[in-house]
Amino acid sequence: MAALFNELKIKDVSFRNRIAVAPMCQYSSDNGFPNDWHFVHLGSRAVGGAGLVVVEATAVSAEGRISPADSGIYLDEHVEPFGRIASFLKQHGAVAGIQIAHAGRKASANKPWEGDNHIDSDKGGWDTIAPSAVAFGANLPKVPQAMSVQDISRIREAFVLAAQRSLAAGFELLELHFAHGYLAHEFYSPLANKRTDQYGGSFENRIRFMMETMEAVRKVWPERLPLIARLSVTDWDEGGVTVEESIELVKRLKAAGLDLVDVSQGFVTPDISKIPWGPGFMVPIASRIRKEADIPVAVGWMISEADQAEQIVGQESIDLVMLARELLRDPYWPYHAAVKLGDPKADTILPVQYARAVRAR
């Protein structure tokens, strides 16, 4: 049996395999509400055999959306349509997960295919907030308002309320978005955080927002269900976040109740020229974090082939592989991977509506 298709159990939740659908923004919502596009997009990946399906970055407040078309869970009315999605995912064998987020200074932007740039306030944009009044730059030049301590408390509470709504919708896994240059990462990285109070400067201060948010969410997210975080563990830039300090952060997050870290990287500045792009380039760092922080890990980035994913799980001992673009190309990648690897579970992955016809070929 292929290691990729071994079951995984975290807390009281069992994953049928080690294949996860990474959260992928669809920029297709109206006032945060998911619709038929999200139902089909996410549901087809569950039907295709993934063990975990994670809803895209879902804003904890309207101001925290990357774009006006972002997913959100900042209204009680969002619970019902998300509940329909979560129910379908579980019905077809996938663990239903959701990622909650605040975009910080990268909010108020156009959709990627409409420019991916900041929207002017007189054209539907809004004022952004961040740890410091420092713009992201490049196509996102808007200078954010530096957050007051009251703002920090308000956003922390927004994460708590979003977690409660996610639970009410039936999600079984919650991911905190602490990566990719969004609000939590902006607090963590010295490249974005220029504060001089208890939320800036030293490592202890820069991780305070993450720690307080994680601890507050853990109080309302049931112990029986996994709470995970996507973390940019390196900025790939001098003066930015390092793997070494991220290992210490992960240890502290684990002690506060984190169950798995989704290892990611970068994007707190527009310069991505120093990222060492290549197949599975984040795997060695994820393996190191798993060993040194003694915590389950997930990792993505340029993982596309079945043999590659099998090696990552089997030889590198990674707990979950997070697939994005490859699952856009092929929603049935888990089935095709099982066939390629000769795993006996291949015959059980597809739903009965498809399986008989496929086996008859």
Protein backbone atom coordinates (compact mmCIF):
# COMPACT_ATOMS: atom_id res chain seq x y z
CA MET A 1 0.00 0.00 0.00
CA ALA A 2 1.27 3.46 -0.88
CA ALA A 3 2.12 5.72 2.05
CA LEU A 4 0.15 8.48 0.31
CA PHE A 5 -3.03 6.49 0.88
CA ASN A 6 -2.49 5.62 4.53
CA GLU A 7 -5.12 7.03 6.84
CA LEU A 8 -4.18 9.87 9.18
CA LYS A 9 -5.87 10.68 12.48
CA ILE A 10 -5.60 14.04 14.23
CA LYS A 11 -7.62 14.40 17.40
CA ASP A 12 -10.99 12.76 16.67
CA VAL A 13 -10.82 13.35 12.92
CA SER A 14 -9.68 10.67 10.46
CA PHE A 15 -8.41 11.52 6.96
CA ARG A 16 -8.81 8.77 4.36
CA ASN A 17 -5.47 9.65 2.76
CA ARG A 18 -2.66 12.23 2.90
CA ILE A 19 -3.91 14.36 0.00
CA ALA A 20 -5.28 17.80 0.88
CA VAL A 21 -6.89 20.41 -1.32
CA ALA A 22 -5.09 23.63 -0.43
CA PRO A 23 -7.23 26.74 0.09
CA MET A 24 -7.42 28.51 -3.27
CA CYS A 25 -9.06 31.91 -3.62
CA GLN A 26 -11.78 31.90 -6.29
CA TYR A 27 -12.72 35.60 -6.18
CA SER A 28 -16.31 34.62 -6.91
CA SER A 29 -18.30 35.68 -3.82
CA ASP A 30 -20.74 38.50 -3.23
CA ASN A 31 -20.45 40.05 0.25
CA GLY A 32 -18.59 36.94 1.37
CA PHE A 33 -21.32 34.45 0.47
CA PRO A 34 -20.28 31.19 -1.21
CA ASN A 35 -22.40 30.13 -4.15
CA ASP A 36 -22.83 27.34 -6.70
CA TRP A 37 -19.32 27.93 -8.06
CA HIS A 38 -17.79 27.16 -4.66
CA PHE A 39 -20.10 24.18 -4.20
CA VAL A 40 -18.98 22.61 -7.47
CA HIS A 41 -15.32 23.66 -7.14
CA LEU A 42 -14.92 22.21 -3.65
CA GLY A 43 -17.37 19.33 -4.01
CA SER A 44 -15.71 17.96 -7.14
CA ARG A 45 -12.39 17.64 -5.29
CA ALA A 46 -14.09 15.62 -2.54
CA VAL A 47 -15.71 13.41 -5.18
CA GLY A 48 -12.26 13.09 -6.76
CA GLY A 49 -10.89 11.43 -3.63
CA ALA A 50 -8.99 14.04 -1.61
CA GLY A 51 -8.74 13.32 2.11
CA LEU A 52 -9.09 16.97 3.13
CA VAL A 53 -10.72 19.87 1.32
CA VAL A 54 -10.00 23.35 2.71
CA VAL A 55 -12.17 26.32 1.78
CA GLU A 56 -10.23 29.31 0.46
CA ALA A 57 -9.03 32.21 2.64
CA THR A 58 -12.30 33.29 4.22
CA ALA A 59 -12.33 36.76 5.71
CA VAL A 60 -13.18 37.30 9.37
CA SER A 61 -14.38 40.83 8.60
CA ALA A 62 -15.46 42.71 5.49
CA GLU A 63 -12.36 44.92 5.66
CA GLY A 64 -10.21 41.78 5.82
CA ARG A 65 -11.15 40.58 2.34
CA ILE A 66 -8.40 40.55 -0.27
CA SER A 67 -10.96 41.69 -2.83
CA PRO A 68 -14.67 42.59 -2.81
CA ALA A 69 -15.28 39.12 -4.30
CA ASP A 70 -13.59 37.21 -1.48
CA SER A 71 -15.17 34.50 0.61
CA GLY A 72 -16.19 35.62 4.11
CA ILE A 73 -17.61 34.30 7.34
CA TYR A 74 -18.19 37.59 9.13
CA LEU A 75 -22.01 37.34 9.11
CA ASP A 76 -24.24 34.80 10.78
CA GLU A 77 -26.01 34.49 7.43
CA HIS A 78 -22.83 33.00 5.93
CA VAL A 79 -23.24 29.85 8.03
CA GLU A 80 -26.06 28.23 6.04
CA PRO A 81 -24.43 28.25 2.56
CA PHE A 82 -21.10 27.12 4.02
CA GLY A 83 -23.00 24.39 5.86
CA ARG A 84 -24.31 23.05 2.57
CA ILE A 85 -20.75 22.81 1.25
CA ALA A 86 -19.35 21.20 4.41
CA SER A 87 -22.14 18.62 4.43
CA PHE A 88 -21.44 17.62 0.82
CA LEU A 89 -17.69 17.32 1.42
CA LYS A 90 -18.25 14.99 4.35
CA GLN A 91 -20.88 13.00 2.48
CA HIS A 92 -18.25 12.17 -0.12
CA GLY A 93 -15.54 11.13 2.31
CA ALA A 94 -13.42 14.26 2.67
CA VAL A 95 -12.71 16.12 5.88
CA ALA A 96 -14.30 19.56 5.56
CA GLY A 97 -11.85 22.34 6.45
CA ILE A 98 -11.92 26.11 6.24
CA GLN A 99 -9.17 28.72 6.39
CA ILE A 100 -10.03 32.00 8.15
CA ALA A 101 -8.03 35.11 7.39
CA HIS A 102 -7.56 38.87 7.43
CA ALA A 103 -5.67 40.40 4.50
CA GLY A 104 -4.27 43.43 6.33
CA ARG A 105 -2.51 45.88 4.02
CA LYS A 106 -3.08 43.58 1.02
CA ALA A 107 -6.87 44.04 1.26
CA SER A 108 -9.07 46.17 -1.02
CA ALA A 109 -7.60 44.79 -4.25
CA ASN A 110 -9.04 43.92 -7.63
CA LYS A 111 -9.41 40.32 -8.73
CA PRO A 112 -6.17 38.93 -10.23
CA TRP A 113 -7.63 38.92 -13.73
CA GLU A 114 -8.74 42.53 -13.28
CA GLY A 115 -5.34 43.92 -12.31
CA ASP A 116 -4.63 42.54 -8.82
CA ASN A 117 -4.06 46.14 -7.74
CA HIS A 118 -5.47 48.31 -4.98
CA ILE A 119 -8.95 49.68 -5.64
CA ASP A 120 -9.43 53.41 -5.12
CA SER A 121 -11.88 54.33 -2.39
CA ASP A 122 -14.17 56.12 -4.87
CA LYS A 123 -14.34 52.94 -6.98
CA GLY A 124 -15.42 50.49 -4.31
CA GLY A 125 -12.21 50.14 -2.35
CA TRP A 126 -11.78 50.73 1.37
CA ASP A 127 -9.18 51.88 3.87
CA THR A 128 -6.83 49.11 4.96
CA ILE A 129 -5.28 48.36 8.35
CA ALA A 130 -1.97 46.77 9.28
CA PRO A 131 0.49 46.66 12.18
CA SER A 132 2.27 49.71 10.79
CA ALA A 133 1.56 52.47 8.28
CA VAL A 134 3.83 50.88 5.69
CA ALA A 135 2.57 50.05 2.21
CA PHE A 136 3.15 46.64 0.63
CA GLY A 137 4.35 48.34 -2.54
CA ALA A 138 4.33 47.50 -6.25
CA ASN A 139 0.69 47.10 -7.38
CA LEU A 140 -0.54 47.53 -3.78
CA PRO A 141 0.65 51.05 -2.90
CA LYS A 142 -2.12 52.04 -0.47
CA VAL A 143 -0.67 53.05 2.91
CA PRO A 144 -2.61 51.24 5.65
CA GLN A 145 -3.71 52.74 8.93
CA ALA A 146 -1.55 51.50 11.81
CA MET A 147 -3.72 49.43 14.12
CA SER A 148 -4.46 50.60 17.61
CA VAL A 149 -4.54 48.13 20.50
CA GLN A 150 -8.33 48.38 20.27
CA ASP A 151 -8.17 47.42 16.59
CA ILE A 152 -6.05 44.40 17.48
CA SER A 153 -8.58 43.32 20.09
CA ARG A 154 -11.42 43.77 17.60
CA ILE A 155 -9.77 41.63 14.92
CA ARG A 156 -8.85 38.96 17.44
CA GLU A 157 -12.51 38.77 18.43
CA ALA A 158 -13.45 38.60 14.74
CA PHE A 159 -11.30 35.47 14.41
CA VAL A 160 -13.10 33.97 17.41
CA LEU A 161 -16.53 34.69 15.94
CA ALA A 162 -15.44 33.30 12.57
CA ALA A 163 -14.28 30.11 14.28
CA GLN A 164 -17.65 29.76 16.01
CA ARG A 165 -19.50 30.26 12.73
CA SER A 166 -17.21 27.71 11.04
CA LEU A 167 -18.10 25.19 13.72
CA ALA A 168 -21.80 25.94 13.33
CA ALA A 169 -21.45 25.33 9.58
CA GLY A 170 -20.11 21.84 10.26
CA PHE A 171 -16.43 22.20 9.43
CA GLU A 172 -14.18 19.63 11.12
CA LEU A 173 -10.83 21.39 10.66
CA LEU A 174 -9.97 25.06 11.09
CA GLU A 175 -6.89 26.69 9.59
CA LEU A 176 -5.64 30.10 10.74
CA HIS A 177 -4.02 32.02 7.89
CA PHE A 178 -0.74 33.26 9.36
CA ALA A 179 1.09 33.43 6.02
CA HIS A 180 1.62 35.09 2.64
CA GLY A 181 1.97 38.69 3.78
CA TYR A 182 -1.51 38.96 5.23
CA LEU A 183 -2.27 40.50 8.61
CA ALA A 184 -0.83 37.91 11.03
CA HIS A 185 2.32 37.56 8.91
CA GLU A 186 2.62 41.35 8.82
CA PHE A 187 2.81 41.35 12.61
CA TYR A 188 5.40 38.54 12.56
CA SER A 189 7.75 39.93 9.93
CA PRO A 190 10.14 42.81 10.75
CA LEU A 191 9.84 43.77 7.09
CA ALA A 192 6.25 44.90 7.70
CA ASN A 193 6.08 45.48 11.46
CA LYS A 194 7.70 48.73 12.60
CA ARG A 195 5.78 49.06 15.87
CA THR A 196 7.46 50.11 19.12
CA ASP A 197 4.79 48.85 21.54
CA GLN A 198 4.10 45.35 22.89
CA TYR A 199 3.22 44.13 19.37
CA GLY A 200 6.47 45.12 17.65
CA GLY A 201 10.24 44.94 17.84
CA SER A 202 11.37 41.77 19.60
CA PHE A 203 10.45 38.23 18.58
CA GLU A 204 8.27 37.96 21.68
CA ASN A 205 6.33 41.06 20.67
CA ARG A 206 6.03 40.27 16.97
CA ILE A 207 4.46 36.86 17.65
CA ARG A 208 2.04 38.25 20.23
CA PHE A 209 -0.83 38.79 17.77
CA MET A 210 -0.53 35.22 16.47
CA MET A 211 -0.28 33.72 19.93
CA GLU A 212 -3.20 35.69 21.34
CA THR A 213 -5.36 34.92 18.32
CA MET A 214 -4.52 31.23 18.37
CA GLU A 215 -5.18 30.95 22.11
CA ALA A 216 -8.50 32.80 21.81
CA VAL A 217 -9.66 30.60 18.94
CA ARG A 218 -8.56 27.42 20.70
CA LYS A 219 -10.91 28.28 23.57
CA VAL A 220 -13.94 28.12 21.27
CA TRP A 221 -12.76 25.48 18.78
CA PRO A 222 -13.44 22.03 20.30
CA GLU A 223 -10.43 20.06 21.51
CA ARG A 224 -11.69 17.05 19.57
CA LEU A 225 -11.24 18.89 16.25
CA PRO A 226 -7.93 19.87 14.59
CA LEU A 227 -6.79 23.48 14.77
CA ILE A 228 -3.98 24.18 12.33
CA ALA A 229 -2.16 27.22 10.94
CA ARG A 230 -0.60 28.10 7.62
CA LEU A 231 2.65 29.86 8.46
CA SER A 232 5.19 31.64 6.27
CA VAL A 233 8.27 30.22 7.97
CA THR A 234 10.73 32.31 5.96
CA ASP A 235 10.61 35.60 4.10
CA TRP A 236 13.63 34.67 1.93
CA ASP A 237 14.93 38.16 2.62
CA GLU A 238 17.54 39.73 4.86
CA GLY A 239 15.96 41.18 7.98
CA GLY A 240 12.82 39.08 7.59
CA VAL A 241 11.41 35.95 9.19
CA THR A 242 13.83 33.00 9.46
CA VAL A 243 13.26 29.26 9.69
CA GLU A 244 15.07 29.16 13.04
CA GLU A 245 12.72 31.62 14.74
CA SER A 246 9.73 29.98 13.06
CA ILE A 247 10.67 26.67 14.66
CA GLU A 248 10.55 28.40 18.05
CA LEU A 249 7.20 29.97 17.14
CA VAL A 250 5.77 26.59 16.11
CA LYS A 251 6.88 25.07 19.41
CA ARG A 252 4.97 27.79 21.26
CA LEU A 253 1.90 27.44 19.05
CA LYS A 254 1.92 23.70 19.68
CA ALA A 255 2.11 24.25 23.44
CA ALA A 256 -0.93 26.55 23.10
CA GLY A 257 -2.95 23.90 21.30
CA LEU A 258 -1.95 23.87 17.62
CA ASP A 259 -2.34 20.41 16.08
CA LEU A 260 -0.51 20.77 12.74
CA VAL A 261 1.45 23.45 10.90
CA ASP A 262 0.90 24.02 7.18
CA VAL A 263 4.41 25.06 6.15
CA SER A 264 4.52 27.88 3.61
CA GLN A 265 6.69 30.86 2.77
CA GLY A 266 7.16 34.41 1.59
CA PHE A 267 5.01 37.15 0.04
CA VAL A 268 5.28 39.81 2.74
CA THR A 269 7.01 42.02 0.14
CA PRO A 270 6.59 42.20 -3.65
CA ASP A 271 10.11 40.84 -4.27
CA ILE A 272 9.98 37.08 -4.86
CA SER A 273 13.26 36.88 -6.78
CA LYS A 274 15.06 35.16 -3.88
CA ILE A 275 12.60 32.27 -3.60
CA PRO A 276 14.40 29.08 -4.74
CA TRP A 277 11.61 27.86 -7.00
CA GLY A 278 11.75 24.18 -7.86
CA PRO A 279 9.76 20.94 -7.44
CA GLY A 280 8.92 20.44 -3.77
CA PHE A 281 11.35 23.14 -2.65
CA MET A 282 9.66 23.59 0.73
CA VAL A 283 9.79 19.90 1.67
CA PRO A 284 13.24 19.93 3.37
CA ILE A 285 12.22 22.89 5.54
CA ALA A 286 8.91 21.22 6.44
CA SER A 287 10.74 18.02 7.38
CA ARG A 288 13.08 19.99 9.62
CA ILE A 289 10.16 21.73 11.35
CA ARG A 290 8.38 18.41 11.87
CA LYS A 291 11.47 16.96 13.53
CA GLU A 292 12.61 19.95 15.60
CA ALA A 293 9.17 21.19 16.69
CA ASP A 294 7.77 17.66 17.03
CA ILE A 295 4.47 18.46 15.32
CA PRO A 296 2.61 17.07 12.29
CA VAL A 297 3.16 19.12 9.14
CA ALA A 298 1.59 19.74 5.77
CA VAL A 299 3.46 21.17 2.81
CA GLY A 300 2.72 22.25 -0.74
CA TRP A 301 4.49 24.20 -3.49
CA MET A 302 5.27 22.56 -6.83
CA ILE A 303 4.10 19.07 -5.95
CA SER A 304 2.50 17.54 -9.02
CA GLU A 305 3.46 13.91 -9.62
CA ALA A 306 2.18 10.84 -7.78
CA ASP A 307 5.67 9.41 -7.28
CA GLN A 308 6.86 12.75 -5.92
CA ALA A 309 3.99 12.97 -3.42
CA GLU A 310 4.55 9.34 -2.38
CA GLN A 311 8.21 10.06 -1.65
CA ILE A 312 7.33 13.20 0.32
CA VAL A 313 4.97 11.27 2.57
CA GLY A 314 6.88 7.99 2.72
CA GLN A 315 10.52 9.05 2.89
CA GLU A 316 10.25 12.60 4.23
CA SER A 317 7.51 11.66 6.73
CA ILE A 318 5.34 14.63 5.77
CA ASP A 319 1.82 14.14 7.11
CA LEU A 320 -0.19 15.89 4.38
CA VAL A 321 0.62 17.17 0.91
CA MET A 322 -1.27 20.35 0.01
CA LEU A 323 -2.13 20.38 -3.68
CA ALA A 324 -3.47 23.40 -5.50
CA ARG A 325 -2.78 23.93 -9.21
CA GLU A 326 -2.52 20.20 -9.88
CA LEU A 327 -6.01 19.67 -8.49
CA LEU A 328 -7.30 22.49 -10.68
CA ARG A 329 -5.91 20.63 -13.66
CA ASP A 330 -7.27 17.31 -12.48
CA PRO A 331 -9.93 17.07 -9.74
CA TYR A 332 -9.48 13.29 -9.86
CA TRP A 333 -5.74 13.42 -9.19
CA PRO A 334 -6.10 11.19 -6.07
CA TYR A 335 -7.72 8.43 -8.13
CA HIS A 336 -5.14 8.69 -10.91
CA ALA A 337 -2.33 8.73 -8.34
CA ALA A 338 -3.66 5.57 -6.69
CA VAL A 339 -3.82 3.83 -10.06
CA LYS A 340 -0.29 4.93 -10.94
CA LEU A 341 1.08 3.79 -7.57
CA GLY A 342 -0.78 0.48 -7.77
CA ASP A 343 -2.61 1.10 -4.51
CA PRO A 344 -5.56 -1.25 -3.92
CA LYS A 345 -7.66 1.67 -2.67
CA ALA A 346 -7.89 2.94 -6.25
CA ASP A 347 -11.03 0.86 -6.74
CA THR A 348 -12.76 2.51 -3.79
CA ILE A 349 -11.88 6.16 -4.36
CA LEU A 350 -14.46 7.07 -6.98
CA PRO A 351 -18.14 7.36 -6.02
CA VAL A 352 -20.45 4.54 -7.05
CA GLN A 353 -21.99 6.76 -9.71
CA TYR A 354 -18.64 6.76 -11.56
CA ALA A 355 -16.87 3.62 -10.42
CA ARG A 356 -18.83 1.02 -12.35
CA ALA A 357 -18.38 2.80 -15.66
CA VAL A 358 -14.70 3.49 -15.07
CA ARG A 359 -13.93 -0.11 -14.11
CA ALA A 360 -15.74 -1.37 -17.20
CA ARG A 361 -13.33 0.32 -19.58
